[in-house]
Protein backbone atom coordinates (compact mmCIF):
# COMPACT_ATOMS: atom_id res chain seq x y z
CA MET A 1 12.23 -8.19 -113.45
CA ALA A 2 13.03 -10.36 -116.02
CA THR A 3 10.88 -10.32 -119.13
CA PRO A 4 8.54 -12.63 -119.27
CA ALA A 5 8.23 -15.36 -121.90
CA GLN A 6 5.03 -17.37 -123.36
CA GLN A 7 5.68 -21.07 -123.60
CA ALA A 8 2.87 -23.41 -125.12
CA PHE A 9 1.73 -26.41 -123.62
CA ARG A 10 0.02 -29.82 -124.18
CA LEU A 11 -1.06 -32.16 -121.83
CA THR A 12 -4.07 -35.05 -122.48
CA GLY A 13 -7.18 -33.96 -121.16
CA ALA A 14 -9.89 -36.06 -118.76
CA ASP A 15 -11.68 -37.02 -121.77
CA GLY A 16 -8.12 -38.60 -123.70
CA ARG A 17 -8.43 -35.41 -126.45
CA PRO A 18 -6.03 -32.24 -126.24
CA LEU A 19 -5.41 -30.23 -123.16
CA SER A 20 -3.58 -27.38 -124.64
CA GLY A 21 -2.67 -23.75 -123.63
CA ASP A 22 0.75 -21.83 -122.73
CA VAL A 23 2.18 -19.98 -119.86
CA LYS A 24 3.00 -16.86 -119.71
CA SER A 25 6.32 -16.22 -117.14
CA ALA A 26 9.55 -14.90 -116.06
CA ALA A 27 11.97 -17.73 -115.25
CA GLY A 28 11.87 -19.03 -112.05
CA ASN A 29 9.70 -20.54 -109.41
CA ARG A 30 6.01 -18.48 -108.46
CA PRO A 31 3.36 -18.08 -107.98
CA ALA A 32 0.41 -19.27 -110.62
CA VAL A 33 -2.20 -17.76 -111.93
CA VAL A 34 -4.70 -20.20 -114.05
CA ILE A 35 -6.97 -18.26 -116.18
CA CYS A 36 -10.45 -20.08 -116.65
CA ARG A 37 -12.26 -18.39 -119.88
CA GLY A 38 -15.86 -19.09 -120.42
CA ARG A 39 -16.87 -21.82 -122.91
CA GLU A 40 -18.44 -19.18 -124.93
CA THR A 41 -15.04 -17.88 -125.39
CA CYS A 42 -11.69 -19.03 -126.82
CA LYS A 43 -8.42 -18.54 -124.23
CA ASP A 44 -7.34 -15.71 -126.07
CA TRP A 45 -10.46 -13.84 -126.50
CA GLY A 46 -10.57 -10.12 -126.35
CA GLY A 47 -8.59 -8.99 -122.67
CA LEU A 48 -8.15 -12.31 -121.48
CA PRO A 49 -4.63 -12.04 -122.62
CA TYR A 50 -3.72 -8.77 -121.89
CA LEU A 51 -4.39 -10.17 -118.02
CA GLY A 52 -2.43 -12.88 -119.29
CA ASP A 53 0.65 -10.14 -119.86
CA ARG A 54 0.11 -8.01 -116.72
CA LEU A 55 -0.31 -10.69 -114.31
CA ALA A 56 3.57 -12.27 -115.81
CA ARG A 57 4.91 -8.78 -115.68
CA ALA A 58 3.45 -8.91 -111.50
CA GLY A 59 5.72 -11.64 -111.22
CA PHE A 60 3.23 -14.08 -111.46
CA ALA A 61 3.30 -17.17 -114.03
CA ALA A 62 -0.04 -16.32 -115.94
CA VAL A 63 -1.66 -20.31 -117.61
CA SER A 64 -4.19 -20.05 -120.06
CA PHE A 65 -5.95 -23.26 -121.56
CA THR A 66 -8.64 -24.37 -123.92
CA TYR A 67 -10.91 -27.38 -122.25
CA SER A 68 -10.28 -30.71 -124.25
CA GLY A 69 -13.75 -31.57 -122.70
CA SER A 70 -17.85 -30.64 -123.75
CA GLY A 71 -19.92 -29.42 -120.60
CA ILE A 72 -18.84 -27.92 -116.86
CA ARG A 73 -18.04 -30.79 -115.71
CA ALA A 74 -15.79 -32.24 -118.18
CA ASP A 75 -14.17 -28.79 -117.87
CA VAL A 76 -13.24 -29.35 -113.95
CA ARG A 77 -11.76 -32.53 -114.87
CA ASP A 78 -9.41 -30.52 -117.41
CA LEU A 79 -8.34 -28.44 -114.35
CA GLU A 80 -7.78 -30.89 -111.88
CA VAL A 81 -5.24 -32.18 -114.78
CA LEU A 82 -3.87 -29.02 -115.37
CA LEU A 83 -3.48 -28.23 -111.66
CA GLY A 84 -1.64 -31.74 -111.07
CA ALA A 85 0.58 -30.81 -114.13
CA LEU A 86 1.70 -27.47 -112.70
CA SER A 87 2.14 -29.37 -109.17
CA SER A 88 4.81 -31.72 -111.00
CA GLY A 89 6.73 -29.46 -112.47
CA SER A 90 6.35 -30.46 -116.03
CA LEU A 91 4.97 -27.43 -117.11
CA GLY A 92 8.68 -26.17 -116.97
CA LEU A 93 7.87 -24.95 -112.87
CA ARG A 94 6.96 -25.17 -109.47
CA PRO A 95 4.75 -22.98 -107.89
CA THR A 96 4.66 -21.71 -104.51
CA ALA A 97 1.04 -21.09 -104.69
CA TYR A 98 -2.09 -21.53 -106.80
CA GLY A 99 -4.50 -19.07 -107.87
CA LEU A 100 -7.63 -19.02 -110.09
CA MET A 101 -9.41 -16.39 -111.77
CA GLY A 102 -12.37 -16.93 -113.92
CA HIS A 103 -14.55 -15.07 -116.02
CA GLY A 104 -18.17 -15.47 -117.21
CA LEU A 105 -19.02 -19.50 -116.98
CA GLY A 106 -15.21 -19.63 -116.31
CA GLY A 107 -15.62 -18.28 -113.37
CA GLY A 108 -18.01 -21.02 -112.20
CA LEU A 109 -15.35 -23.90 -113.85
CA ALA A 110 -12.95 -21.25 -110.84
CA VAL A 111 -15.67 -21.58 -108.22
CA LEU A 112 -15.96 -25.41 -108.79
CA GLY A 113 -12.21 -25.80 -108.81
CA ALA A 114 -11.54 -24.11 -105.40
CA ALA A 115 -14.27 -25.89 -103.82
CA GLN A 116 -12.95 -28.85 -103.99
CA ASP A 117 -8.97 -28.25 -104.07
CA GLU A 118 -7.54 -27.04 -101.15
CA ARG A 119 -4.37 -26.09 -103.16
CA VAL A 120 -5.80 -23.31 -104.06
CA GLY A 121 -4.91 -19.93 -102.37
CA GLY A 122 -7.28 -16.95 -103.99
CA LEU A 123 -9.62 -16.63 -106.14
CA VAL A 124 -10.82 -14.05 -107.98
CA THR A 125 -14.28 -13.98 -110.70
CA TRP A 126 -15.75 -11.78 -112.87
CA ALA A 127 -19.12 -11.38 -113.97
CA THR A 128 -20.05 -15.07 -112.86
CA VAL A 129 -23.14 -16.59 -113.30
CA ALA A 130 -24.87 -17.93 -110.21
CA ARG A 131 -26.56 -20.78 -111.70
CA LEU A 132 -25.79 -22.56 -114.88
CA ASP A 133 -29.60 -22.72 -115.98
CA ARG A 134 -29.55 -18.66 -116.39
CA VAL A 135 -27.31 -18.76 -119.34
CA MET A 136 -29.41 -20.27 -121.81
CA PRO A 137 -29.58 -16.87 -123.34
CA TYR A 138 -26.18 -17.65 -124.64
CA GLY A 139 -27.74 -20.26 -126.87
CA LEU A 140 -25.91 -23.34 -124.97
CA GLU A 141 -27.74 -26.76 -125.65
CA ALA A 142 -30.33 -27.58 -123.09
CA ARG A 143 -28.85 -30.94 -120.83
CA SER A 144 -28.52 -31.88 -117.72
CA GLU A 145 -25.74 -29.59 -116.74
CA THR A 146 -27.78 -26.61 -117.17
CA THR A 147 -28.90 -27.46 -113.77
CA LEU A 148 -25.40 -26.77 -112.24
CA ASP A 149 -26.03 -23.88 -109.38
CA PHE A 150 -22.41 -22.73 -108.36
CA VAL A 151 -23.63 -20.60 -105.30
CA ARG A 152 -24.17 -23.94 -103.47
CA ARG A 153 -20.92 -24.76 -103.88
CA ALA A 154 -19.69 -21.20 -103.09
CA GLY A 155 -19.82 -21.98 -98.99
CA ARG A 156 -17.05 -24.54 -99.37
CA VAL A 157 -14.43 -21.97 -101.05
CA ARG A 158 -11.69 -21.67 -98.20
CA ALA A 159 -9.91 -19.24 -100.38
CA PRO A 160 -9.64 -15.82 -99.98
CA TRP A 161 -11.73 -14.86 -103.84
CA LEU A 162 -12.70 -11.29 -105.00
CA ILE A 163 -16.22 -11.44 -106.87
CA VAL A 164 -16.31 -8.65 -109.42
CA HIS A 165 -19.20 -7.95 -111.41
CA GLY A 166 -20.44 -5.25 -114.06
CA ALA A 167 -23.40 -2.98 -112.13
CA ALA A 168 -24.37 -2.60 -116.24
CA ASP A 169 -24.10 -6.29 -116.73
CA GLU A 170 -26.24 -7.38 -119.89
CA PHE A 171 -25.90 -10.94 -120.04
CA VAL A 172 -25.59 -11.92 -115.77
CA PRO A 173 -27.10 -9.92 -113.59
CA VAL A 174 -25.38 -8.01 -110.84
CA GLY A 175 -27.77 -9.96 -108.11
CA ASP A 176 -25.59 -13.06 -108.43
CA ALA A 177 -22.72 -11.04 -107.40
CA HIS A 178 -24.27 -10.53 -104.31
CA GLU A 179 -25.50 -13.81 -104.10
CA PHE A 180 -22.14 -15.53 -104.21
CA ARG A 181 -21.30 -12.68 -100.96
CA ARG A 182 -23.67 -14.05 -99.17
CA ALA A 183 -22.83 -17.26 -99.77
CA ALA A 184 -18.90 -17.29 -99.25
CA ARG A 185 -17.16 -17.22 -95.94
CA HIS A 186 -14.13 -15.47 -97.27
CA ALA A 187 -15.18 -13.21 -99.68
CA GLU A 188 -15.22 -9.67 -101.03
CA LEU A 189 -17.07 -7.92 -103.55
CA LEU A 190 -16.57 -5.12 -105.96
CA VAL A 191 -19.61 -3.50 -108.04
CA VAL A 192 -17.90 -1.53 -111.25
CA ALA A 193 -20.21 0.96 -111.73
CA ASP A 194 -21.79 2.07 -115.54
CA THR A 195 -19.91 -1.05 -117.14
CA GLY A 196 -21.43 -4.54 -118.74
CA HIS A 197 -19.87 -8.30 -119.07
CA THR A 198 -16.70 -8.09 -120.25
CA PHE A 199 -15.95 -3.83 -118.56
CA GLY A 200 -15.57 -2.62 -122.46
CA ALA A 201 -13.48 -5.28 -123.71
CA ARG A 202 -13.84 -6.39 -127.05
CA HIS A 203 -12.72 -8.71 -129.26
CA PRO A 204 -10.77 -8.55 -131.65
CA TRP A 205 -9.03 -6.74 -129.13
CA ALA A 206 -9.33 -2.59 -129.36
CA GLY A 207 -7.23 -1.62 -126.35
CA SER A 208 -7.96 -1.26 -122.18
CA THR A 209 -11.23 0.52 -121.18
CA PRO A 210 -11.16 2.66 -117.67
CA SER A 211 -12.93 -0.14 -116.34
CA LEU A 212 -10.87 -3.11 -117.47
CA ASP A 213 -8.25 -1.92 -116.09
CA ARG A 214 -9.54 -0.96 -112.84
CA VAL A 215 -11.19 -4.39 -112.17
CA VAL A 216 -7.17 -5.85 -113.70
CA GLN A 217 -5.29 -3.51 -110.94
CA ALA A 218 -7.98 -5.21 -108.55
CA THR A 219 -6.99 -8.18 -109.71
CA LEU A 220 -3.69 -8.16 -109.58
CA ASP A 221 -3.70 -6.76 -105.86
CA TRP A 222 -5.63 -10.24 -104.85
CA PHE A 223 -3.34 -11.81 -105.96
CA ALA A 224 -0.67 -10.15 -104.47
CA ARG A 225 -1.88 -9.76 -101.37
CA HIS A 226 -3.18 -14.00 -100.98
CA LEU A 227 -0.78 -15.07 -103.00
CA THR A 228 2.57 -16.11 -100.85
């Protein structure tokens, strides 16, 4: 396999502001996985670049981006813009299949995207909150969107979905993962013992952990199984 390269891109987001990111991929058309970060982190936080590297080396195009908007609903529109750019080939490849992966609040964004876009052929969420009003400890400002219920959208997801959660998650209770599993039609649940919200990853990046490696491998296996 060719060594993956990284290429930056810049689009106009749904609100007219810049939507920027990068694609890590070897040459040629291949399945693309869009990585949706939590709003409380940057796209290069902790283990997310590590996941992108692993995806690219496994034969996927790994797409990371920074939101242009402010708030989950604006971010979903950014995701629509990004998927449209991928479909048109304007990011340098035409994906043979589409996957979404999200961590934390980014997992909620990925759920919303998969629920409304039939192009999505595989979904993986890590440590995702079921209802946005449960993340007030993050310090988010109270506003109307904090009542957003991701579980209600979970039943609309048609893509095969892997739900991953740390049993000792200190921010999002593992019960949220079980709620998603009950609501979703095509989902499997992986609860990782003795690990928290980031599966041991830290920022600045200090190397992987056994828990993170297990989660990354499960993610690679899921997309390899469902994106063709």
